Amino acid sequence: MIDVTKTYCNPIPLPDYPLGRNCFNFGWKHRADFRETADPTVIYEDGKWYLYPSCGMVYWTEDFRTWNHVHMEPYDCGYAPTVVKHKGKFYLTACSAPLYVADNPLGPFRNIGNFVKPDGEIYLCDDPMIYSDDDERIYLYSGCGGGIKGVELDSDDPTKLLHDPVTMFDMDTENHVWERMGDWNQDGSYSWVEGAWMYKREGTYYLIYSGPGTEWVTYAMGAYKSKSPMGPWEYMKTSPFLLNRHGLVRAPGHGSVVEGPNNTLWVFYTCLVGYGGNFERRCGFDPIGFDENGDIIPTKSTENPQWVPGYKEDPHLGNDAGLIPLTQNIGPAVESSMAPGRDGIYACDDSLITWWQPAADDPDPTLTVKMSEEGLNIYSMRIMWRDVGMDFKKGIMPGPFQYKVEAMGMDDQWVCVLDKSDNTVDMLIDYLPVTQMRAKAVRLRICGHPENIEPGVINFTVFGNWTPIKK
């Protein structure tokens, strides 16, 4: 048997997914109001991991499965927040934001002013990352397009720049094909080289960055290496070390690298949805490791259940929990009803821009997926919702969905394997264990949804395996 309580699944199931920042920009073009998290900074402090994403902060966890949401002050200080512990204090900033300070990771954070150059000019930067070295010197890296800049800050007053910002490296679309814009890296005229993150290992500094842009499936993470936090820099030959163009967790970029339990190393990243607009995104995380040359080993973002940090000694050598999707493009997927063009198969098609939506007058919406007459072993399930009709300007806001998951056993009888019919937690994405059993089919039953919202199911996946029952 597999202990599903020791697994997680991307995208990260976070409560209270915030509204996308561009939904508040009336000049920004998007298909519909959407929810968004992106650009995750993760830090570890006193046995807890704190996740600071764009649009709404902060989330924390002790087990990497259950994330808790705290409305921190400031709740949303701008895109791409960065948090660092320096000399016992926690410093926070974001795109074109001032610097904040707090005594603990949850705040409240106090505004201590803008970054200031030696000549007194205010320094506003995008996609910032603050890095505190082990000698207590502190640095600011930034860049959102074209290249990455760096500057040393005053260790006692980090609002003060000790010198003018210096270019660490520029975009290189001629030599680095993956930095070229477009879903096929076809456009080398520019690159959104961005999302800097610094990580130090055995005396080597890794200045991690992303490109060519968060809206393309080619979005990925690479790095430069140096023996000094200000360079000179050498391109890491295994770049991009994180890439995935397909599936439900695609375009992984702009994130952070953080040490987890038992000296393991994890990369947190942004991944693309892209229906509501270019900035409709989610977050995920996966283990990474280093090769004999000190380069980060290339990997792909995952969308099937993985072992939680701390479960395996060397997760970068293989962290898959051995559970596969049993409901993807199989069936048929039979819906009790559907809105025009929103067939049941769209909940099982491995796409984030399609969904099943029952008819508005359906009193008991169900989606049934036949898996195998021989039966399959079911262990867990993931669901991703779309808030159809959400419109913050009209006061139509998101909230909890209620549902059940049922399974048909080998005796052809239906049983409930997961009951969320009384759910009061707003989970736009959820990943949960189900009652483990041998099943021929599974059924999703929608029991309730937020007022004035029509429920859309982007993805309904039951995970398990086909291993025969030993006689």
Protein backbone atom coordinates (compact mmCIF):
# COMPACT_ATOMS: atom_id res chain seq x y z
CA MET A 1 0.00 0.00 0.00
CA ILE A 2 1.05 3.57 -0.65
CA ASP A 3 0.88 6.13 2.15
CA VAL A 4 -0.85 8.93 0.27
CA THR A 5 -0.57 11.24 3.29
CA LYS A 6 3.15 11.48 2.44
CA THR A 7 2.52 12.76 -1.08
CA TYR A 8 1.83 16.12 -2.68
CA CYS A 9 0.72 17.06 -6.19
CA ASN A 10 1.26 20.13 -8.37
CA PRO A 11 -0.04 22.75 -8.82
CA ILE A 12 0.16 23.50 -5.10
CA PRO A 13 -3.30 23.31 -3.44
CA LEU A 14 -3.49 26.67 -1.70
CA PRO A 15 -6.56 27.99 0.13
CA ASP A 16 -8.06 31.38 -0.74
CA TYR A 17 -6.43 31.79 -4.15
CA PRO A 18 -6.23 35.56 -4.70
CA LEU A 19 -7.59 37.52 -7.64
CA GLY A 20 -5.16 38.29 -10.42
CA ARG A 21 -3.55 41.72 -10.08
CA ASN A 22 -4.35 42.62 -13.70
CA CYS A 23 -8.07 42.11 -13.05
CA PHE A 24 -7.85 45.46 -11.28
CA ASN A 25 -6.22 47.13 -14.29
CA PHE A 26 -9.12 48.26 -16.43
CA GLY A 27 -6.87 48.76 -19.44
CA TRP A 28 -5.55 45.18 -19.35
CA LYS A 29 -7.09 42.75 -21.82
CA HIS A 30 -8.21 39.40 -20.45
CA ARG A 31 -11.00 36.96 -21.24
CA ALA A 32 -12.44 36.92 -17.74
CA ASP A 33 -11.55 37.78 -14.18
CA PHE A 34 -9.14 35.15 -12.92
CA ARG A 35 -7.23 34.08 -9.85
CA GLU A 36 -3.47 33.97 -9.70
CA THR A 37 -0.38 33.09 -7.71
CA ALA A 38 3.11 33.35 -9.18
CA ASP A 39 6.77 34.25 -8.54
CA PRO A 40 7.06 32.32 -5.27
CA THR A 41 9.70 33.19 -2.70
CA VAL A 42 10.06 30.47 -0.08
CA ILE A 43 12.06 30.69 3.16
CA TYR A 44 12.51 28.32 6.11
CA GLU A 45 12.27 29.50 9.70
CA ASP A 46 11.78 27.55 12.95
CA GLY A 47 10.41 24.39 11.38
CA LYS A 48 8.03 26.12 8.97
CA TRP A 49 8.27 26.97 5.29
CA TYR A 50 6.80 30.31 4.26
CA LEU A 51 5.58 30.93 0.70
CA TYR A 52 5.27 34.52 -0.54
CA PRO A 53 3.64 34.61 -4.00
CA SER A 54 2.48 37.51 -6.12
CA CYS A 55 -1.08 38.73 -5.44
CA GLY A 56 -1.69 37.59 -1.86
CA MET A 57 0.51 36.62 1.07
CA VAL A 58 1.45 34.64 3.02
CA TYR A 59 1.18 30.81 3.08
CA TRP A 60 3.00 28.50 5.47
CA THR A 61 3.34 24.76 5.99
CA GLU A 62 5.09 22.25 8.21
CA ASP A 63 4.47 19.17 6.05
CA PHE A 64 4.34 20.53 2.45
CA ARG A 65 0.84 19.07 2.08
CA THR A 66 -1.37 21.43 4.09
CA TRP A 67 -0.82 25.13 3.47
CA ASN A 68 -2.20 27.78 5.79
CA HIS A 69 -3.10 31.26 4.58
CA VAL A 70 -2.43 34.40 6.63
CA HIS A 71 -3.52 37.85 5.44
CA MET A 72 -0.20 39.48 6.04
CA GLU A 73 0.33 43.23 6.13
CA PRO A 74 1.05 44.27 3.42
CA TYR A 75 -1.10 41.62 1.74
CA ASP A 76 -0.07 42.53 -1.81
CA CYS A 77 2.83 44.96 -2.18
CA GLY A 78 3.41 44.23 -5.88
CA TYR A 79 4.40 41.51 -8.30
CA ALA A 80 7.35 39.25 -7.49
CA PRO A 81 7.74 39.71 -3.72
CA THR A 82 11.05 38.74 -2.14
CA VAL A 83 11.71 38.11 1.56
CA VAL A 84 15.07 37.54 3.25
CA LYS A 85 16.24 37.14 6.84
CA HIS A 86 19.13 39.50 7.59
CA LYS A 87 20.65 40.18 11.01
CA GLY A 88 17.58 38.78 12.77
CA LYS A 89 15.09 40.89 10.81
CA PHE A 90 12.92 39.96 7.82
CA TYR A 91 13.04 42.29 4.83
CA LEU A 92 10.38 42.41 2.10
CA THR A 93 10.10 44.20 -1.22
CA ALA A 94 8.53 43.68 -4.67
CA CYS A 95 8.40 45.26 -8.12
CA SER A 96 8.81 49.06 -7.80
CA ALA A 97 8.02 48.77 -4.09
CA PRO A 98 9.71 50.24 -1.02
CA LEU A 99 11.53 48.11 1.50
CA TYR A 100 9.63 46.68 4.47
CA VAL A 101 10.92 45.11 7.68
CA ALA A 102 9.41 42.84 10.35
CA ASP A 103 10.49 40.82 13.36
CA ASN A 104 8.97 37.56 12.08
CA PRO A 105 8.00 35.98 8.73
CA LEU A 106 4.28 36.78 9.14
CA GLY A 107 4.78 40.47 9.82
CA PRO A 108 3.30 42.96 10.13
CA PHE A 109 5.92 44.54 7.89
CA ARG A 110 6.78 48.20 8.35
CA ASN A 111 7.65 50.47 5.41
CA ILE A 112 11.19 51.84 5.93
CA GLY A 113 11.48 53.66 2.61
CA ASN A 114 12.62 53.32 -0.98
CA PHE A 115 16.00 52.10 -2.16
CA VAL A 116 18.31 55.07 -2.66
CA LYS A 117 21.44 55.38 -4.83
CA PRO A 118 24.60 57.06 -3.50
CA ASP A 119 23.61 60.30 -5.28
CA GLY A 120 20.23 60.35 -3.50
CA GLU A 121 18.16 59.18 -6.49
CA ILE A 122 15.36 56.73 -5.68
CA TYR A 123 16.02 53.30 -7.21
CA LEU A 124 12.91 51.44 -8.38
CA CYS A 125 13.50 47.97 -9.77
CA ASP A 126 11.43 45.06 -11.05
CA ASP A 127 11.59 41.38 -10.06
CA PRO A 128 13.89 42.09 -7.10
CA MET A 129 15.70 39.49 -5.02
CA ILE A 130 17.47 40.40 -1.77
CA TYR A 131 20.31 38.08 -0.76
CA SER A 132 22.02 38.05 2.64
CA ASP A 133 25.39 36.29 2.49
CA ASP A 134 26.88 34.32 5.37
CA ASP A 135 29.29 37.22 6.07
CA GLU A 136 26.23 39.48 6.62
CA ARG A 137 26.86 41.49 3.46
CA ILE A 138 23.60 42.01 1.60
CA TYR A 139 22.81 42.37 -2.11
CA LEU A 140 19.93 43.32 -4.38
CA TYR A 141 19.44 41.63 -7.76
CA SER A 142 16.76 42.66 -10.23
CA GLY A 143 15.70 42.73 -13.86
CA CYS A 144 12.54 42.18 -15.82
CA GLY A 145 13.58 42.11 -19.46
CA GLY A 146 16.94 42.22 -21.19
CA GLY A 147 19.23 41.28 -18.33
CA ILE A 148 19.95 41.06 -14.61
CA LYS A 149 21.58 43.79 -12.48
CA GLY A 150 23.12 43.58 -9.04
CA VAL A 151 24.21 45.95 -6.30
CA GLU A 152 25.53 45.70 -2.75
CA LEU A 153 23.41 47.29 -0.04
CA ASP A 154 24.37 48.83 3.26
CA SER A 155 24.33 45.93 5.74
CA ASP A 156 22.94 48.12 8.54
CA ASP A 157 20.49 50.10 6.37
CA PRO A 158 19.52 48.00 3.31
CA THR A 159 17.60 50.91 1.75
CA LYS A 160 20.99 52.41 0.83
CA LEU A 161 22.85 51.29 -2.29
CA LEU A 162 26.64 51.29 -1.83
CA HIS A 163 27.21 51.94 -5.55
CA ASP A 164 25.27 52.15 -8.80
CA PRO A 165 23.69 48.88 -10.03
CA VAL A 166 25.97 46.78 -12.26
CA THR A 167 24.90 44.44 -15.07
CA MET A 168 25.50 40.83 -14.04
CA PHE A 169 24.62 39.44 -17.47
CA ASP A 170 22.44 40.34 -20.45
CA MET A 171 20.01 38.27 -22.46
CA ASP A 172 21.77 36.09 -25.04
CA THR A 173 19.22 34.95 -27.59
CA GLU A 174 21.97 34.18 -30.11
CA ASN A 175 23.70 31.51 -28.01
CA HIS A 176 20.86 30.48 -25.67
CA VAL A 177 17.98 29.34 -27.85
CA TRP A 178 15.73 28.80 -24.84
CA GLU A 179 15.85 32.55 -24.08
CA ARG A 180 14.17 33.37 -27.42
CA MET A 181 10.52 34.44 -27.20
CA GLY A 182 7.57 32.34 -28.35
CA ASP A 183 6.18 28.85 -27.75
CA TRP A 184 8.86 27.53 -30.13
CA ASN A 185 11.60 30.03 -29.22
CA GLN A 186 11.22 31.48 -32.69
CA ASP A 187 11.70 35.18 -31.87
CA GLY A 188 15.16 36.29 -30.82
CA SER A 189 14.48 40.01 -30.96
CA TYR A 190 14.16 40.22 -27.19
CA SER A 191 13.85 38.15 -24.03
CA TRP A 192 12.21 38.72 -20.68
CA VAL A 193 15.26 37.65 -18.73
CA GLU A 194 13.88 38.09 -15.23
CA GLY A 195 13.08 36.57 -11.86
CA ALA A 196 16.55 36.58 -10.29
CA TRP A 197 17.28 34.27 -7.37
CA MET A 198 20.63 33.74 -5.62
CA TYR A 199 21.68 30.41 -4.11
CA LYS A 200 25.09 29.60 -2.62
CA ARG A 201 26.54 26.09 -2.46
CA GLU A 202 30.05 25.09 -1.38
CA GLY A 203 31.49 28.51 -2.14
CA THR A 204 29.81 28.86 -5.54
CA TYR A 205 27.11 31.45 -6.18
CA TYR A 206 24.27 30.49 -8.53
CA LEU A 207 22.44 33.49 -9.96
CA ILE A 208 19.26 31.84 -11.20
CA TYR A 209 16.98 33.54 -13.71
CA SER A 210 14.05 32.84 -16.02
CA GLY A 211 13.14 33.51 -19.64
CA PRO A 212 11.83 34.12 -22.27
CA GLY A 213 8.50 35.23 -20.68
CA THR A 214 5.83 33.91 -18.37
CA GLU A 215 3.18 33.78 -21.14
CA TRP A 216 5.01 31.12 -23.21
CA VAL A 217 5.24 27.38 -22.60
CA THR A 218 9.01 27.72 -23.14
CA TYR A 219 9.34 29.67 -19.88
CA ALA A 220 12.17 28.02 -17.97
CA MET A 221 14.91 28.53 -15.38
CA GLY A 222 18.65 28.73 -15.96
CA ALA A 223 21.66 30.02 -14.04
CA TYR A 224 25.08 31.63 -14.11
CA LYS A 225 27.86 30.68 -11.65
CA SER A 226 30.56 32.67 -9.88
CA LYS A 227 32.91 32.59 -6.89
CA SER A 228 31.71 36.09 -5.96
CA PRO A 229 28.19 37.47 -5.44
CA MET A 230 29.00 40.26 -7.92
CA GLY A 231 30.64 38.08 -10.56
CA PRO A 232 32.26 37.65 -13.03
CA TRP A 233 29.69 35.12 -14.17
CA GLU A 234 29.98 31.88 -16.12
CA TYR A 235 26.93 30.44 -17.88
CA MET A 236 25.83 27.15 -16.30
CA LYS A 237 26.00 24.57 -19.09
CA THR A 238 22.94 22.62 -17.91
CA SER A 239 20.69 25.66 -18.40
CA PRO A 240 17.77 25.60 -18.60
CA PHE A 241 17.67 23.21 -15.67
CA LEU A 242 13.88 23.38 -15.28
CA LEU A 243 11.63 23.11 -18.33
CA ASN A 244 8.30 21.58 -19.35
CA ARG A 245 6.28 22.62 -22.40
CA HIS A 246 3.28 20.31 -21.95
CA GLY A 247 0.57 19.21 -19.54
CA LEU A 248 -1.04 20.75 -16.48
CA VAL A 249 2.19 22.06 -14.94
CA ARG A 250 3.90 23.73 -17.88
CA ALA A 251 6.18 26.74 -18.31
CA PRO A 252 7.93 26.49 -14.91
CA GLY A 253 9.90 29.64 -14.12
CA HIS A 254 10.44 32.64 -11.84
CA GLY A 255 10.71 31.11 -8.43
CA SER A 256 13.15 30.27 -5.67
CA VAL A 257 15.50 27.53 -4.51
CA VAL A 258 15.22 26.52 -0.86
CA GLU A 259 16.71 23.82 1.34
CA GLY A 260 14.17 21.35 2.70
CA PRO A 261 14.25 18.58 5.31
CA ASN A 262 17.31 16.31 5.51
CA ASN A 263 19.46 18.67 3.40
CA THR A 264 17.29 18.22 0.33
CA LEU A 265 16.95 21.02 -2.21
CA TRP A 266 13.71 22.20 -3.83
CA VAL A 267 12.81 24.63 -6.57
CA PHE A 268 9.52 26.51 -6.29
CA TYR A 269 8.21 27.99 -9.54
CA THR A 270 5.45 29.67 -11.49
CA CYS A 271 3.44 27.62 -13.99
CA LEU A 272 1.07 28.81 -16.69
CA VAL A 273 -2.72 28.54 -17.01
CA GLY A 274 -3.30 31.32 -19.53
CA TYR A 275 -7.05 31.21 -20.17
CA GLY A 276 -8.06 34.41 -18.38
CA GLY A 277 -4.92 36.15 -19.62
CA ASN A 278 -1.17 35.86 -19.91
CA PHE A 279 -0.78 36.31 -16.16
CA GLU A 280 -3.21 33.59 -15.04
CA ARG A 281 -0.74 31.32 -13.25
CA ARG A 282 -0.23 28.82 -10.44
CA CYS A 283 2.74 27.59 -8.36
CA GLY A 284 4.51 24.26 -8.05
CA PHE A 285 7.68 22.74 -6.60
CA ASP A 286 10.03 19.81 -7.25
CA PRO A 287 13.41 18.52 -6.01
CA ILE A 288 16.69 19.40 -7.70
CA GLY A 289 20.27 18.21 -7.35
CA PHE A 290 23.79 18.85 -8.65
CA ASP A 291 26.06 16.89 -10.97
CA GLU A 292 29.79 16.24 -10.60
CA ASN A 293 30.60 19.60 -12.24
CA GLY A 294 28.56 21.53 -9.69
CA ASP A 295 25.81 22.24 -12.22
CA ILE A 296 22.11 21.84 -11.45
CA ILE A 297 20.79 18.62 -12.97
CA PRO A 298 18.07 19.30 -15.58
CA THR A 299 14.57 18.25 -14.56
CA LYS A 300 10.93 18.71 -15.52
CA SER A 301 8.07 20.05 -13.47
CA THR A 302 5.74 17.25 -12.33
CA GLU A 303 1.95 16.87 -12.28
CA ASN A 304 1.57 13.39 -10.75
CA PRO A 305 1.83 12.65 -7.00
CA GLN A 306 5.32 13.08 -5.53
CA TRP A 307 6.80 12.25 -2.14
CA VAL A 308 6.80 15.20 0.26
CA PRO A 309 10.12 16.81 1.23
CA GLY A 310 11.82 14.76 3.91
CA TYR A 311 10.35 11.42 2.82
CA LYS A 312 13.23 10.40 0.56
CA GLU A 313 16.92 10.91 1.22
CA ASP A 314 17.77 11.82 -2.41
CA PRO A 315 14.52 12.95 -4.04
CA HIS A 316 16.27 14.41 -7.10
CA LEU A 317 17.19 10.83 -8.08
CA GLY A 318 13.50 10.00 -8.36
CA ASN A 319 10.59 11.32 -6.35
CA ASP A 320 7.54 9.92 -8.13
CA ALA A 321 5.14 8.13 -5.76
CA GLY A 322 4.12 5.55 -8.36
CA LEU A 323 0.57 6.83 -8.82
CA ILE A 324 -0.64 7.61 -12.31
CA PRO A 325 -3.77 9.34 -13.66
CA LEU A 326 -6.55 6.77 -14.16
CA THR A 327 -9.12 9.18 -15.62
CA GLN A 328 -7.19 11.06 -18.30
CA ASN A 329 -8.66 10.72 -21.81
CA ILE A 330 -10.38 7.46 -20.94
CA GLY A 331 -13.97 6.52 -20.47
CA PRO A 332 -16.01 7.93 -21.98
CA ALA A 333 -16.54 10.73 -19.46
CA VAL A 334 -20.32 10.87 -19.13
CA GLU A 335 -21.80 14.11 -17.84
CA SER A 336 -25.30 14.51 -16.40
CA SER A 337 -25.54 17.74 -18.42
CA MET A 338 -23.32 20.32 -20.01
CA ALA A 339 -23.34 23.98 -20.88
CA PRO A 340 -22.87 24.60 -24.62
CA GLY A 341 -19.36 23.57 -25.64
CA ARG A 342 -18.38 22.44 -22.14
CA ASP A 343 -18.42 18.65 -22.54
CA GLY A 344 -17.46 16.28 -19.73
CA ILE A 345 -14.31 15.13 -21.53
CA TYR A 346 -12.82 18.58 -20.96
CA ALA A 347 -12.38 17.75 -17.27
CA CYS A 348 -10.15 14.83 -18.24
CA ASP A 349 -8.19 16.13 -21.25
CA ASP A 350 -4.93 17.29 -19.61
CA SER A 351 -5.58 20.91 -20.57
CA LEU A 352 -5.89 23.98 -18.36
CA ILE A 353 -7.92 26.08 -20.80
CA THR A 354 -10.89 23.73 -21.20
CA TRP A 355 -13.40 22.60 -18.60
CA TRP A 356 -16.62 20.71 -18.01
CA GLN A 357 -19.50 22.90 -16.97
CA PRO A 358 -22.91 21.40 -16.14
CA ALA A 359 -26.09 23.10 -17.35
CA ALA A 360 -27.27 25.86 -15.02
CA ASP A 361 -30.55 24.04 -14.31
CA ASP A 362 -28.96 20.65 -13.53
CA PRO A 363 -30.21 19.74 -10.00
CA ASP A 364 -27.56 17.02 -9.47
CA PRO A 365 -24.46 17.57 -11.64
CA THR A 366 -22.33 14.45 -12.03
CA LEU A 367 -19.40 13.37 -14.15
CA THR A 368 -18.79 9.63 -14.48
CA VAL A 369 -15.55 8.18 -15.80
CA LYS A 370 -15.36 4.46 -16.60
CA MET A 371 -11.82 3.20 -16.03
CA SER A 372 -11.57 -0.58 -16.46
CA GLU A 373 -13.84 -3.62 -16.12
CA GLU A 374 -10.91 -5.39 -14.45
CA GLY A 375 -10.76 -2.63 -11.86
CA LEU A 376 -7.97 -0.28 -10.87
CA ASN A 377 -6.57 0.65 -7.45
CA ILE A 378 -7.52 4.22 -6.50
CA TYR A 379 -5.56 6.23 -3.92
CA SER A 380 -6.04 9.98 -4.33
CA MET A 381 -7.65 12.68 -6.44
CA ARG A 382 -6.97 16.18 -7.71
CA ILE A 383 -9.59 18.72 -8.72
CA MET A 384 -9.15 22.15 -10.32
CA TRP A 385 -12.11 24.52 -10.52
CA ARG A 386 -12.96 27.45 -12.75
CA ASP A 387 -15.12 30.20 -11.27
CA VAL A 388 -17.35 30.80 -14.29
CA GLY A 389 -18.99 34.21 -14.09
CA MET A 390 -16.67 35.63 -11.43
CA ASP A 391 -16.71 39.43 -11.72
CA PHE A 392 -15.18 41.40 -8.87
CA LYS A 393 -16.52 44.70 -10.26
CA LYS A 394 -20.06 43.36 -9.88
CA GLY A 395 -19.34 41.79 -6.50
CA ILE A 396 -19.48 38.22 -7.82
CA MET A 397 -16.69 36.71 -5.78
CA PRO A 398 -15.17 33.22 -5.43
CA GLY A 399 -15.73 30.86 -2.55
CA PRO A 400 -15.88 27.18 -1.54
CA PHE A 401 -17.10 24.40 -3.81
CA GLN A 402 -18.82 21.34 -2.31
CA TYR A 403 -18.57 17.91 -3.91
CA LYS A 404 -18.29 14.15 -3.46
CA VAL A 405 -16.18 11.52 -5.19
CA GLU A 406 -17.81 8.12 -5.58
CA ALA A 407 -16.41 4.84 -6.90
CA MET A 408 -17.96 1.71 -8.40
CA GLY A 409 -16.48 -1.38 -6.80
CA MET A 410 -16.01 -4.82 -8.27
CA ASP A 411 -19.56 -5.66 -7.13
CA ASP A 412 -20.91 -2.84 -9.35
CA GLN A 413 -22.05 -0.90 -6.29
CA TRP A 414 -21.31 2.80 -5.83
CA VAL A 415 -19.69 3.99 -2.60
CA CYS A 416 -18.54 7.44 -1.46
CA VAL A 417 -14.73 7.58 -1.23
CA LEU A 418 -14.40 11.32 -0.49
CA ASP A 419 -17.07 13.57 1.02
CA LYS A 420 -16.55 17.33 0.73
CA SER A 421 -20.27 18.12 0.61
CA ASP A 422 -19.95 20.35 3.70
CA ASN A 423 -16.71 22.01 2.60
CA THR A 424 -16.27 25.61 3.78
CA VAL A 425 -12.69 26.20 2.57
CA ASP A 426 -12.09 27.97 -0.74
CA MET A 427 -9.80 25.52 -2.56
CA LEU A 428 -9.45 26.44 -6.23
CA ILE A 429 -7.14 23.42 -6.48
CA ASP A 430 -7.28 20.46 -4.14
CA TYR A 431 -5.39 17.18 -3.78
CA LEU A 432 -6.70 14.65 -1.27
CA PRO A 433 -6.59 10.94 -0.39
CA VAL A 434 -9.65 8.85 -1.23
CA THR A 435 -10.75 5.58 0.33
CA GLN A 436 -8.38 3.03 -1.18
CA MET A 437 -10.21 0.37 -3.13
CA ARG A 438 -10.43 -1.52 -6.41
CA ALA A 439 -12.80 0.40 -8.69
CA LYS A 440 -14.23 0.09 -12.19
CA ALA A 441 -15.40 3.69 -12.43
CA VAL A 442 -15.39 6.96 -10.51
CA ARG A 443 -17.95 9.74 -10.31
CA LEU A 444 -17.70 13.40 -9.33
CA ARG A 445 -20.87 14.85 -7.82
CA ILE A 446 -21.09 18.64 -7.44
CA CYS A 447 -23.08 19.49 -4.32
CA GLY A 448 -22.70 23.26 -4.08
CA HIS A 449 -20.86 26.32 -5.35
CA PRO A 450 -20.43 30.05 -4.57
CA GLU A 451 -23.43 32.31 -5.14
CA ASN A 452 -23.78 33.54 -8.75
CA ILE A 453 -20.81 31.39 -9.82
CA GLU A 454 -21.28 28.53 -12.27
CA PRO A 455 -18.96 25.61 -11.42
CA GLY A 456 -16.40 24.65 -14.04
CA VAL A 457 -14.16 21.61 -13.61
CA ILE A 458 -10.85 22.19 -15.38
CA ASN A 459 -9.41 18.91 -14.18
CA PHE A 460 -10.72 15.89 -12.32
CA THR A 461 -8.04 13.25 -11.88
CA VAL A 462 -8.16 10.10 -9.81
CA PHE A 463 -4.69 8.66 -9.18
CA GLY A 464 -3.77 5.04 -8.58
CA ASN A 465 -2.27 2.03 -10.31
CA TRP A 466 -3.21 -1.09 -12.22
CA THR A 467 -1.28 -3.62 -10.11
CA PRO A 468 -3.38 -6.82 -10.05
CA ILE A 469 -4.71 -8.04 -6.74
CA LYS A 470 -2.62 -10.99 -5.58
CA LYS A 471 -4.70 -14.18 -5.33
